[in-house]
Amino acid sequence: MTEREGASAPAPAYEPKVLAKKFRIPVEDAVKIIDKYGSDRKAIDKAARRIAA
């Protein structure tokens, strides 16, 4: 069997420190967001932007 063309691996889970630094939010808030949304990066980014605003 051959690998599929254009197939990509799932994105690794966010680390709380990385998320907190990216959006300039407290690490505690980043942990809560990651716990709530799991590995859905789009939802995590959206929630972090709401807190950062």
C-alpha atoms as a PDB file:
ATOM      1  CA  MET A   1       0.000   0.000   0.000  1.00  0.00           C
ATOM      2  CA  THR A   2       1.200   3.521  -0.693  1.00  0.00           C
ATOM      3  CA  GLU A   3       0.661   6.687   1.290  1.00  0.00           C
ATOM      4  CA  ARG A   4      -2.109   8.989   0.118  1.00  0.00           C
ATOM      5  CA  GLU A   5      -1.103  12.143  -1.670  1.00  0.00           C
ATOM      6  CA  GLY A   6      -1.849  15.286   0.321  1.00  0.00           C
ATOM      7  CA  ALA A   7      -2.717  13.417   3.511  1.00  0.00           C
ATOM      8  CA  SER A   8      -1.620  15.267   6.604  1.00  0.00           C
ATOM      9  CA  ALA A   9      -1.178  14.153  10.168  1.00  0.00           C
ATOM     10  CA  PRO A  10      -3.515  15.567  12.785  1.00  0.00           C
ATOM     11  CA  ALA A  11      -2.232  18.685  14.495  1.00  0.00           C
ATOM     12  CA  PRO A  12      -0.641  18.007  17.871  1.00  0.00           C
ATOM     13  CA  ALA A  13      -2.517  19.291  20.906  1.00  0.00           C
ATOM     14  CA  TYR A  14      -1.772  22.815  22.066  1.00  0.00           C
ATOM     15  CA  GLU A  15       0.517  23.246  25.042  1.00  0.00           C
ATOM     16  CA  PRO A  16      -1.026  25.691  27.550  1.00  0.00           C
ATOM     17  CA  LYS A  17       2.133  27.843  27.672  1.00  0.00           C
ATOM     18  CA  VAL A  18       2.204  28.160  23.879  1.00  0.00           C
ATOM     19  CA  LEU A  19      -1.472  29.134  23.716  1.00  0.00           C
ATOM     20  CA  ALA A  20      -1.087  31.613  26.572  1.00  0.00           C
ATOM     21  CA  LYS A  21       1.917  33.259  24.940  1.00  0.00           C
ATOM     22  CA  LYS A  22       0.306  33.383  21.485  1.00  0.00           C
ATOM     23  CA  PHE A  23      -2.809  35.191  22.736  1.00  0.00           C
ATOM     24  CA  ARG A  24      -1.266  36.902  25.792  1.00  0.00           C
ATOM     25  CA  ILE A  25      -3.669  35.269  28.239  1.00  0.00           C
ATOM     26  CA  PRO A  26      -2.994  33.647  31.634  1.00  0.00           C
ATOM     27  CA  VAL A  27      -1.805  30.024  31.517  1.00  0.00           C
ATOM     28  CA  GLU A  28      -4.725  29.055  33.787  1.00  0.00           C
ATOM     29  CA  ASP A  29      -7.188  30.331  31.177  1.00  0.00           C
ATOM     30  CA  ALA A  30      -5.323  28.477  28.451  1.00  0.00           C
ATOM     31  CA  VAL A  31      -5.592  25.230  30.418  1.00  0.00           C
ATOM     32  CA  LYS A  32      -9.352  25.723  30.854  1.00  0.00           C
ATOM     33  CA  ILE A  33      -9.828  26.395  27.140  1.00  0.00           C
ATOM     34  CA  ILE A  34      -7.819  23.314  26.131  1.00  0.00           C
ATOM     35  CA  ASP A  35      -9.752  21.146  28.606  1.00  0.00           C
ATOM     36  CA  LYS A  36     -13.056  22.428  27.225  1.00  0.00           C
ATOM     37  CA  TYR A  37     -12.315  22.167  23.481  1.00  0.00           C
ATOM     38  CA  GLY A  38      -9.837  19.281  23.345  1.00  0.00           C
ATOM     39  CA  SER A  39      -7.897  19.202  20.090  1.00  0.00           C
ATOM     40  CA  ASP A  40     -10.195  21.494  18.051  1.00  0.00           C
ATOM     41  CA  ARG A  41      -7.651  24.210  17.236  1.00  0.00           C
ATOM     42  CA  LYS A  42     -10.169  26.436  15.500  1.00  0.00           C
ATOM     43  CA  ALA A  43     -12.436  26.494  18.567  1.00  0.00           C
ATOM     44  CA  ILE A  44      -9.463  26.940  20.907  1.00  0.00           C
ATOM     45  CA  ASP A  45      -8.165  29.919  18.929  1.00  0.00           C
ATOM     46  CA  LYS A  46     -11.625  31.483  18.851  1.00  0.00           C
ATOM     47  CA  ALA A  47     -12.101  31.087  22.613  1.00  0.00           C
ATOM     48  CA  ALA A  48      -8.616  32.462  23.322  1.00  0.00           C
ATOM     49  CA  ARG A  49      -9.280  35.512  21.112  1.00  0.00           C
ATOM     50  CA  ARG A  50     -12.477  36.192  23.087  1.00  0.00           C
ATOM     51  CA  ILE A  51     -10.543  36.180  26.368  1.00  0.00           C
ATOM     52  CA  ALA A  52      -7.698  38.265  24.953  1.00  0.00           C
ATOM     53  CA  ALA A  53     -10.031  40.989  23.669  1.00  0.00           C
END
